C-alpha cells in the first residue's frame, strides 16, 4: 500500500490525513511549523484557528450547521475535536482554540500510521499520492510550483482577523450578557447610544491603517471585510451590519440600544473574548485608541490586535473534480481554502472529501459521488464547476445545494426539506464507503 503525502496540517490537511489513516493508509503529514510560521500563525499546534473561534451555526436549518452534521456522520476528526472543546456561543459552535488544536495535534501525532515531517515543502512529486492543503498562506516557493503545474497564476483576496480582549479588563457595569432574543445568553454586549455610535464611526473612518502590500478593497472577501472598510460605505452601514441591535435589549433600560458591539468567548475558561465582526487592518495603536471608545472597553487589555494577510486560492473551476482531484493527475488532490471554499468548516469538509476519495482510489473501491444534494457535495460542485467569469471563495449556503424535487415557497420549510434529503443521502454515502469497517466509528481519540 503506497504512503500518501499530506502537505499542510491545517483543518483540511488534518481531516484528509484522518480519513486516510482511518482506512489503513499510511500518511506522511508535512507541516512547516514550528520551523517557520506565516504572518498569521503563532501556535505550534495543528489546525490553528487564525481569524475567529466560531464555526458558525450548529442548526441543520442553517447550511453551515447542515455541513457540520454531515461531517459528524461521516466520521470527521475536526468535528469531534470541535464538539469536545465547545465554548458558549448561543446557537453557534465556537471552540476553545488551544484545546481544539491540541486535540488535533495529539491525535495525529500519536497515530501509528502517521509520520510527522516538519519544515517547508517546496516541491510536489507527482509520482507520490498527495493531498495539497497548504492553505491560503501557501509559501511563495510552493506557490510557484503549483502555478507552474497548473499552467496559470493563482488568484488572491485579503483576509483579516479580529482583536481579542481580556475579560477582567472590561467594565462589566456597562456591558450585558445576552444572545439575540435571549436574555442571559452567551455574548457580552456593549450598548451604544446614537451619539456614541456616531463618534465611534467618525473615529473609525479617520483612523490610520497599516500598509498591506498590494491591498485592494475589491479583492477583499466580503465575509471578512475590515470593519473600517465597511464603515466607509456609509454612516449607518455598521448599525445595520455587525453592530445591529436587533433582538437585544439593555436590561438596565429595558430598551433596544442604537447599536451594539458583541464580544464572543474565545477560550474554555472565559478569560478571552473576541470582537465579533471586527476584522481590521488598523495600526495597533489606532485599534487601541478607537476600539477603546466602545462602552465597556475603555480600559480593555488587548491580548491580540487584529491583523490582515493575503490569501491565495486557485482557479479551481475546470481544474479540479467535485472530489477535489486535479484533473489529469489521479494521485493529486487539493483541499482547503486554496481551492475556493471559504471558512473553517468548509475547508475541513474539502479535506474530508479529498481524503475519502483518495483512500477509496488507493484501496480499489468505488469512489463516492458527492453531489449537490448534500452540503459537502455542493461545495465540490461549486469549486469545480462554477461557470461565471469572476470565481470567488464561497461559504456553504443553501443557494448552491439542489432545490427540493417539489418546489416549496416557504423558505424555512424549503431548507428543512433540503436538509432532510441531505442527511438521508449522507447516510447512503456512509454505508457506501463502509465507515463501519474503516476504524473510524468508535475509535478513541
Protein backbone atom coordinates (compact mmCIF):
# COMPACT_ATOMS: atom_id res chain seq x y z
CA UNK A 1 0.00 0.00 0.00
CA UNK A 2 1.58 3.36 -1.04
CA UNK A 3 2.14 6.09 1.51
CA UNK A 4 0.24 9.35 0.99
CA UNK A 5 1.83 12.74 1.45
CA UNK A 6 -0.44 15.33 3.05
CA UNK A 7 1.10 18.79 2.78
CA UNK A 8 -0.19 21.14 5.45
CA UNK A 9 -1.64 20.38 8.89
CA UNK A 10 -4.42 22.95 8.95
CA UNK A 11 -8.06 21.93 9.17
CA UNK A 12 -8.17 20.48 5.65
CA UNK A 13 -4.88 18.63 5.98
CA UNK A 14 -5.76 17.18 9.39
CA UNK A 15 -9.13 15.95 8.15
CA UNK A 16 -7.66 14.48 4.96
CA UNK A 17 -4.95 12.70 6.95
CA UNK A 18 -7.52 11.30 9.40
CA UNK A 19 -9.75 9.95 6.65
CA UNK A 20 -6.74 8.20 5.08
CA UNK A 21 -5.21 6.66 8.21
CA UNK A 22 -8.66 5.57 9.41
CA UNK A 23 -8.74 3.37 6.34
CA UNK A 24 -5.35 1.83 6.98
CA UNK A 25 -3.34 4.08 4.67
CA UNK A 26 -0.07 5.46 5.99
CA UNK A 27 0.37 9.22 5.81
CA UNK A 28 3.41 11.45 5.86
CA UNK A 29 1.99 14.69 7.25
CA UNK A 30 4.21 17.64 6.27
CA UNK A 31 3.87 20.86 8.26
CA UNK A 32 6.20 23.87 8.15
CA UNK A 33 5.55 24.78 11.80
CA UNK A 34 7.30 25.06 14.18
CA UNK A 35 10.36 25.60 11.95
CA UNK A 36 8.69 28.59 10.29
CA UNK A 37 5.43 30.48 10.53
CA UNK A 38 3.27 32.57 8.23
CA UNK A 39 2.44 36.15 9.34
CA UNK A 40 -0.98 34.96 10.57
CA UNK A 41 0.11 31.90 12.56
CA UNK A 42 1.54 31.82 16.08
CA UNK A 43 0.76 28.42 17.62
CA UNK A 44 2.84 25.26 17.08
CA UNK A 45 -0.32 23.12 17.09
CA UNK A 46 -2.08 21.69 14.05
CA UNK A 47 -5.42 23.15 12.99
CA UNK A 48 -4.71 26.63 14.33
CA UNK A 49 -7.76 28.91 14.07
CA UNK A 50 -6.50 32.26 12.82
CA UNK A 51 -9.46 34.63 12.44
CA UNK A 52 -12.36 33.61 14.68
CA UNK A 53 -13.04 30.75 17.07
CA UNK A 54 -16.55 30.29 15.69
CA UNK A 55 -17.55 27.51 13.30
CA UNK A 56 -20.88 29.29 12.83
CA UNK A 57 -24.40 27.91 13.28
CA UNK A 58 -24.91 24.39 14.59
CA UNK A 59 -28.52 24.07 13.40
CA UNK A 60 -29.26 21.89 10.37
CA UNK A 61 -31.73 24.59 9.33
CA UNK A 62 -28.61 26.60 8.50
CA UNK A 63 -26.31 25.44 5.68
CA UNK A 64 -23.21 25.64 7.90
CA UNK A 65 -24.94 23.54 10.56
CA UNK A 66 -26.04 21.03 7.95
CA UNK A 67 -22.48 20.67 6.67
CA UNK A 68 -21.21 20.04 10.19
CA UNK A 69 -23.84 17.36 10.80
CA UNK A 70 -22.93 15.64 7.53
CA UNK A 71 -19.30 15.63 8.59
CA UNK A 72 -20.13 14.19 12.01
CA UNK A 73 -21.99 11.33 10.35
CA UNK A 74 -19.03 10.66 8.05
CA UNK A 75 -16.57 10.38 10.95
CA UNK A 76 -14.91 13.80 11.00
CA UNK A 77 -11.97 14.34 13.34
CA UNK A 78 -12.39 18.12 13.09
CA UNK A 79 -15.98 17.91 14.26
CA UNK A 80 -15.10 15.52 17.08
CA UNK A 81 -12.45 17.94 18.34
CA UNK A 82 -14.81 20.91 17.96
CA UNK A 83 -17.60 19.21 19.89
CA UNK A 84 -15.15 18.18 22.62
CA UNK A 85 -13.91 21.77 23.07
CA UNK A 86 -17.12 23.74 22.61
CA UNK A 87 -17.47 27.06 24.43
CA UNK A 88 -20.74 29.01 24.94
CA UNK A 89 -21.83 30.83 21.76
CA UNK A 90 -25.62 30.60 21.60
CA UNK A 91 -26.75 28.54 18.62
CA UNK A 92 -23.28 28.71 17.07
CA UNK A 93 -20.45 26.22 17.56
CA UNK A 94 -17.44 28.06 18.94
CA UNK A 95 -14.38 26.37 20.39
CA UNK A 96 -11.53 26.85 22.81
CA UNK A 97 -8.78 27.43 20.24
CA UNK A 98 -5.91 25.84 22.13
CA UNK A 99 -7.80 22.80 23.37
CA UNK A 100 -9.21 22.19 19.89
CA UNK A 101 -5.82 22.48 18.17
CA UNK A 102 -4.04 20.46 20.83
CA UNK A 103 -6.50 17.57 20.40
CA UNK A 104 -5.95 17.51 16.65
CA UNK A 105 -2.18 17.57 17.14
CA UNK A 106 -2.07 14.88 19.82
CA UNK A 107 -4.46 12.60 17.91
CA UNK A 108 -2.47 12.66 14.69
CA UNK A 109 0.98 12.61 16.29
CA UNK A 110 0.06 9.54 18.32
CA UNK A 111 -1.49 7.61 15.43
CA UNK A 112 0.70 4.66 14.36
CA UNK A 113 0.04 5.32 10.65
CA UNK A 114 1.09 8.98 10.78
CA UNK A 115 4.64 10.24 10.28
CA UNK A 116 5.13 13.94 11.00
CA UNK A 117 7.66 15.79 8.86
CA UNK A 118 8.44 19.35 9.98
CA UNK A 119 9.69 22.04 7.63
CA UNK A 120 8.63 23.87 4.48
CA UNK A 121 7.73 21.83 1.40
CA UNK A 122 8.87 23.43 -1.85
CA UNK A 123 8.25 20.64 -4.39
CA UNK A 124 5.34 18.46 -5.50
CA UNK A 125 6.35 14.95 -6.54
CA UNK A 126 3.58 13.84 -8.89
CA UNK A 127 4.65 10.20 -8.57
CA UNK A 128 3.60 10.16 -4.89
CA UNK A 129 -0.13 10.24 -3.96
CA UNK A 130 -0.71 13.55 -2.22
CA UNK A 131 -3.22 16.00 -0.80
CA UNK A 132 -2.01 19.59 -1.01
CA UNK A 133 -3.66 21.54 1.80
CA UNK A 134 -1.21 24.36 2.40
CA UNK A 135 -3.95 26.90 2.83
CA UNK A 136 -4.45 30.48 1.73
CA UNK A 137 -0.99 31.44 3.01
CA UNK A 138 0.90 28.96 0.82
CA UNK A 139 4.58 29.95 0.75
CA UNK A 140 5.88 31.68 -2.39
CA UNK A 141 8.23 28.79 -3.27
CA UNK A 142 5.49 26.17 -3.24
CA UNK A 143 3.02 28.61 -4.78
CA UNK A 144 5.30 28.98 -7.79
CA UNK A 145 5.47 25.20 -8.19
CA UNK A 146 1.68 24.94 -8.02
CA UNK A 147 1.26 27.73 -10.57
CA UNK A 148 3.76 26.03 -12.89
CA UNK A 149 1.94 22.71 -12.50
CA UNK A 150 -1.42 24.27 -13.26
CA UNK A 151 -0.10 26.43 -16.06
CA UNK A 152 -1.56 29.63 -14.64
CA UNK A 153 -1.29 32.14 -11.81
CA UNK A 154 -3.24 31.86 -8.58
CA UNK A 155 -5.94 34.36 -7.74
CA UNK A 156 -5.93 36.16 -4.44
CA UNK A 157 -8.00 38.07 -1.91
CA UNK A 158 -7.30 39.53 1.51
CA UNK A 159 -8.48 38.28 4.87
CA UNK A 160 -8.46 39.91 8.31
CA UNK A 161 -8.58 38.76 11.93
CA UNK A 162 -10.46 40.41 14.82
CA UNK A 163 -8.88 41.63 18.10
CA UNK A 164 -9.15 39.68 21.37
CA UNK A 165 -9.53 41.33 24.78
CA UNK A 166 -9.11 40.14 28.35
CA UNK A 167 -12.44 39.75 30.19
CA UNK A 168 -11.12 41.03 33.52
CA UNK A 169 -10.16 44.33 31.88
CA UNK A 170 -13.73 45.09 30.76
CA UNK A 171 -16.07 47.46 32.58
CA UNK A 172 -18.82 44.95 33.36
CA UNK A 173 -21.09 47.71 34.67
CA UNK A 174 -21.50 48.87 31.07
CA UNK A 175 -21.92 45.55 29.26
CA UNK A 176 -24.69 42.98 29.50
CA UNK A 177 -24.84 39.28 28.69
CA UNK A 178 -27.38 38.09 26.11
CA UNK A 179 -27.82 36.37 22.78
CA UNK A 180 -30.26 37.82 20.29
CA UNK A 181 -33.84 37.37 21.54
CA UNK A 182 -32.47 35.59 24.62
CA UNK A 183 -31.57 37.14 27.98
CA UNK A 184 -28.64 35.63 29.82
CA UNK A 185 -27.14 34.33 26.59
CA UNK A 186 -23.57 33.64 25.57
CA UNK A 187 -22.41 37.03 24.24
CA UNK A 188 -21.21 40.14 26.04
CA UNK A 189 -22.91 43.20 24.58
CA UNK A 190 -21.59 46.75 24.60
CA UNK A 191 -24.58 49.08 24.00
CA UNK A 192 -24.14 52.40 22.19
CA UNK A 193 -26.30 55.49 22.07
CA UNK A 194 -26.62 57.30 18.75
CA UNK A 195 -24.05 59.91 19.85
CA UNK A 196 -21.60 57.23 20.96
CA UNK A 197 -22.06 55.35 17.70
CA UNK A 198 -21.54 58.44 15.53
CA UNK A 199 -18.39 59.43 17.46
CA UNK A 200 -17.05 55.89 17.06
CA UNK A 201 -17.89 55.85 13.35
CA UNK A 202 -16.14 59.18 12.76
CA UNK A 203 -13.02 57.98 14.60
CA UNK A 204 -13.03 54.68 12.73
CA UNK A 205 -13.20 56.11 9.21
CA UNK A 206 -10.45 58.60 10.08
CA UNK A 207 -8.09 56.10 11.73
CA UNK A 208 -4.75 55.22 10.19
CA UNK A 209 -4.47 51.80 8.58
CA UNK A 210 -1.43 49.57 8.29
CA UNK A 211 0.07 49.11 4.86
CA UNK A 212 -0.64 45.71 3.34
CA UNK A 213 1.34 45.05 0.17
CA UNK A 214 -0.89 45.03 -2.89
CA UNK A 215 -4.06 45.61 -0.87
CA UNK A 216 -7.15 46.49 -2.90
CA UNK A 217 -10.61 46.56 -1.33
CA UNK A 218 -12.14 44.92 -4.41
CA UNK A 219 -10.06 41.83 -3.61
CA UNK A 220 -11.32 41.51 -0.04
CA UNK A 221 -13.67 38.59 0.61
CA UNK A 222 -16.99 40.11 1.68
CA UNK A 223 -17.31 37.87 4.76
CA UNK A 224 -14.01 39.18 6.14
CA UNK A 225 -14.32 42.85 5.14
CA UNK A 226 -12.27 45.05 7.52
CA UNK A 227 -14.57 46.99 9.80
CA UNK A 228 -13.07 50.31 8.70
CA UNK A 229 -13.67 49.44 5.02
CA UNK A 230 -17.28 48.58 5.83
CA UNK A 231 -17.70 51.83 7.78
CA UNK A 232 -16.63 53.88 4.75
CA UNK A 233 -19.65 52.61 2.83
CA UNK A 234 -21.90 54.89 4.90
CA UNK A 235 -22.53 56.10 8.43
CA UNK A 236 -25.27 53.53 9.09
CA UNK A 237 -23.59 50.50 7.45
CA UNK A 238 -22.24 49.17 10.77
CA UNK A 239 -25.53 49.78 12.58
CA UNK A 240 -27.25 47.54 10.03
CA UNK A 241 -24.32 45.13 9.93
CA UNK A 242 -22.06 43.79 12.72
CA UNK A 243 -23.33 46.38 15.22
CA UNK A 244 -27.04 45.80 14.59
CA UNK A 245 -29.04 45.81 17.87
CA UNK A 246 -31.85 43.56 16.59
CA UNK A 247 -33.09 41.13 19.24
CA UNK A 248 -31.14 42.77 22.08
CA UNK A 249 -32.41 44.85 24.98
CA UNK A 250 -30.28 46.50 27.61
CA UNK A 251 -31.63 45.12 30.94
CA UNK A 252 -30.75 48.39 32.69
CA UNK A 253 -33.01 50.48 30.43
CA UNK A 254 -35.38 47.83 29.06
CA UNK A 255 -34.83 49.35 25.62
CA UNK A 256 -33.01 48.33 22.47
CA UNK A 257 -29.73 50.25 22.10
CA UNK A 258 -28.99 52.24 18.97
CA UNK A 259 -26.08 49.92 18.21
CA UNK A 260 -24.34 47.01 19.95
CA UNK A 261 -20.81 45.64 19.77
CA UNK A 262 -20.84 41.92 20.62
CA UNK A 263 -17.98 40.00 22.24
CA UNK A 264 -17.79 36.22 21.92
CA UNK A 265 -15.97 33.88 24.33
CA UNK A 266 -12.69 32.68 22.83
CA UNK A 267 -11.38 30.15 25.35
CA UNK A 268 -12.73 27.47 27.68
CA UNK A 269 -12.01 29.49 30.83
CA UNK A 270 -13.93 32.57 29.67
CA UNK A 271 -10.96 34.91 30.10
CA UNK A 272 -10.64 35.88 26.43
CA UNK A 273 -13.29 37.49 24.21
CA UNK A 274 -13.07 38.48 20.55
CA UNK A 275 -14.85 41.46 18.99
CA UNK A 276 -17.40 39.93 16.64
CA UNK A 277 -17.14 41.30 13.10
CA UNK A 278 -14.14 43.50 13.91
CA UNK A 279 -11.64 42.19 11.37
CA UNK A 280 -9.31 45.10 10.75
CA UNK A 281 -6.10 46.43 9.26
CA UNK A 282 -5.88 49.47 11.53
CA UNK A 283 -2.48 50.10 13.08
CA UNK A 284 -2.21 48.60 16.55
CA UNK A 285 -2.13 51.98 18.28
CA UNK A 286 -5.20 53.08 16.36
CA UNK A 287 -7.04 49.89 17.33
CA UNK A 288 -6.37 50.65 20.98
CA UNK A 289 -7.49 54.28 20.58
CA UNK A 290 -10.64 53.73 18.50
CA UNK A 291 -11.90 50.46 19.98
CA UNK A 292 -11.47 51.85 23.49
CA UNK A 293 -14.30 54.25 22.60
CA UNK A 294 -16.69 51.30 22.78
CA UNK A 295 -18.62 51.40 26.09
CA UNK A 296 -17.10 48.85 28.44
CA UNK A 297 -13.79 48.69 26.54
CA UNK A 298 -12.36 51.99 27.78
CA UNK A 299 -9.57 50.17 29.67
CA UNK A 300 -9.63 46.91 27.75
CA UNK A 301 -6.40 44.94 27.58
CA UNK A 302 -5.84 43.66 24.05
CA UNK A 303 -4.14 40.28 24.11
CA UNK A 304 -4.18 40.18 20.30
CA UNK A 305 -4.71 43.00 17.85
CA UNK A 306 -6.43 42.49 14.53
CA UNK A 307 -4.23 41.70 11.54
CA UNK A 308 -4.66 41.37 7.80
CA UNK A 309 -2.96 38.98 5.41
CA UNK A 310 -3.04 37.87 1.81
CA UNK A 311 -4.91 34.67 0.96
CA UNK A 312 -4.26 32.81 -2.27
CA UNK A 313 -6.62 30.43 -3.98
CA UNK A 314 -6.77 28.52 -7.25
CA UNK A 315 -8.89 29.00 -10.34
CA UNK A 316 -10.48 25.70 -9.45
CA UNK A 317 -13.35 25.51 -11.99
CA UNK A 318 -12.17 23.29 -14.82
CA UNK A 319 -9.06 22.27 -12.87
CA UNK A 320 -10.49 20.19 -10.03
CA UNK A 321 -13.11 17.47 -9.98
CA UNK A 322 -16.00 17.66 -7.48
CA UNK A 323 -13.91 15.35 -5.26
CA UNK A 324 -11.05 17.92 -5.31
CA UNK A 325 -8.76 15.81 -7.54
CA UNK A 326 -6.60 17.68 -10.03
CA UNK A 327 -7.85 16.67 -13.46
CA UNK A 328 -5.37 14.53 -15.33
CA UNK A 329 -3.49 13.76 -12.11
CA UNK A 330 -5.36 10.91 -10.34
CA UNK A 331 -2.88 10.82 -7.43
CA UNK A 332 -3.01 14.55 -6.68
CA UNK A 333 -5.73 16.30 -4.68
CA UNK A 334 -6.09 19.82 -3.34
CA UNK A 335 -8.06 20.77 -0.23
CA UNK A 336 -8.85 23.72 1.98
CA UNK A 337 -9.28 27.41 1.36
CA UNK A 338 -6.82 27.37 -1.52
CA UNK A 339 -9.49 25.55 -3.58
CA UNK A 340 -12.02 28.36 -3.25
CA UNK A 341 -14.07 27.13 -0.32
CA UNK A 342 -14.34 29.76 2.38
CA UNK A 343 -14.48 29.11 6.12
CA UNK A 344 -13.16 26.71 8.72
CA UNK A 345 -15.80 24.02 8.29
CA UNK A 346 -15.78 24.28 4.52
CA UNK A 347 -12.01 23.84 4.49
CA UNK A 348 -12.22 20.75 6.69
CA UNK A 349 -15.05 19.39 4.53
CA UNK A 350 -12.93 19.63 1.40
CA UNK A 351 -10.17 17.73 3.20
CA UNK A 352 -12.72 15.08 4.12
CA UNK A 353 -13.90 14.68 0.51
CA UNK A 354 -10.31 14.55 -0.78
CA UNK A 355 -9.16 12.09 1.89
CA UNK A 356 -12.09 9.72 1.45
CA UNK A 357 -11.84 9.84 -2.35
CA UNK A 358 -8.10 9.22 -2.45
CA UNK A 359 -8.40 6.42 0.09
CA UNK A 360 -11.09 4.69 -1.98
CA UNK A 361 -8.99 5.03 -5.13
CA UNK A 362 -5.90 3.54 -3.46
CA UNK A 363 -7.93 0.69 -1.95
CA UNK A 364 -9.52 -0.12 -5.27
CA UNK A 365 -13.00 0.80 -4.07
CA UNK A 366 -15.61 2.75 -5.99
CA UNK A 367 -15.09 6.46 -5.39
CA UNK A 368 -18.18 8.01 -3.78
CA UNK A 369 -20.11 10.64 -5.71
CA UNK A 370 -20.53 13.78 -3.63
CA UNK A 371 -23.29 15.61 -5.49
CA UNK A 372 -25.19 18.81 -4.76
CA UNK A 373 -27.90 17.04 -2.75
CA UNK A 374 -25.50 17.32 0.20
CA UNK A 375 -23.70 20.37 1.56
CA UNK A 376 -20.38 18.53 1.27
CA UNK A 377 -21.03 17.73 -2.37
CA UNK A 378 -22.36 21.19 -3.19
CA UNK A 379 -19.03 22.72 -2.17
CA UNK A 380 -17.13 20.42 -4.52
CA UNK A 381 -19.60 21.10 -7.31
CA UNK A 382 -19.18 24.86 -6.80
CA UNK A 383 -15.39 24.98 -6.85
CA UNK A 384 -15.12 22.56 -9.76
CA UNK A 385 -18.00 23.72 -11.92
CA UNK A 386 -18.64 27.42 -11.35
CA UNK A 387 -19.42 28.89 -14.78
CA UNK A 388 -19.26 32.62 -14.10
CA UNK A 389 -16.46 34.97 -15.06
CA UNK A 390 -15.41 36.03 -11.57
CA UNK A 391 -14.77 32.93 -9.43
CA UNK A 392 -14.72 33.92 -5.75
CA UNK A 393 -14.35 31.95 -2.49
CA UNK A 394 -17.70 30.70 -1.22
CA UNK A 395 -19.14 29.79 2.16
CA UNK A 396 -21.62 26.92 2.20
CA UNK A 397 -25.17 28.17 1.64
CA UNK A 398 -28.49 26.68 0.59
CA UNK A 399 -28.24 28.51 -2.73
CA UNK A 400 -25.62 26.07 -4.03
CA UNK A 401 -27.49 22.95 -2.87
CA UNK A 402 -30.01 21.40 -5.25
CA UNK A 403 -33.53 22.58 -4.53
CA UNK A 404 -36.27 20.20 -3.38
CA UNK A 405 -37.83 17.94 -6.01
CA UNK A 406 -41.16 19.68 -5.43
CA UNK A 407 -40.95 23.49 -5.19
CA UNK A 408 -41.60 24.89 -1.69
CA UNK A 409 -42.23 28.63 -1.33
CA UNK A 410 -41.74 28.92 2.43
CA UNK A 411 -38.00 29.35 2.97
CA UNK A 412 -37.83 27.59 6.33
CA UNK A 413 -39.78 24.61 5.04
CA UNK A 414 -37.68 24.54 1.86
CA UNK A 415 -34.43 24.50 3.82
CA UNK A 416 -35.78 21.78 6.13
CA UNK A 417 -36.64 19.61 3.12
CA UNK A 418 -33.20 20.13 1.61
CA UNK A 419 -31.54 19.28 4.93
CA UNK A 420 -33.64 16.14 5.41
CA UNK A 421 -32.71 14.89 1.94
CA UNK A 422 -29.05 15.78 2.51
CA UNK A 423 -28.84 13.74 5.69
CA UNK A 424 -30.54 10.77 4.03
CA UNK A 425 -28.01 10.96 1.21
CA UNK A 426 -25.19 11.26 3.75
CA UNK A 427 -26.30 8.03 5.40
CA UNK A 428 -26.28 6.33 1.99
CA UNK A 429 -22.74 7.59 1.40
CA UNK A 430 -21.64 6.49 4.86
CA UNK A 431 -22.74 2.94 4.13
CA UNK A 432 -21.31 3.01 0.63
CA UNK A 433 -17.81 3.91 1.76
CA UNK A 434 -18.08 1.37 4.58
CA UNK A 435 -17.15 3.52 7.53
CA UNK A 436 -18.15 0.72 9.89
CA UNK A 437 -15.17 -1.31 8.74
CA UNK A 438 -12.76 1.58 8.44
CA UNK A 439 -11.86 2.03 12.07
CA UNK A 440 -13.45 5.46 12.34
CA UNK A 441 -16.56 4.53 14.29
CA UNK A 442 -15.92 4.25 18.00
CA UNK A 443 -12.20 4.95 17.75
CA UNK A 444 -10.93 6.63 20.90
CA UNK A 445 -9.24 9.89 20.00
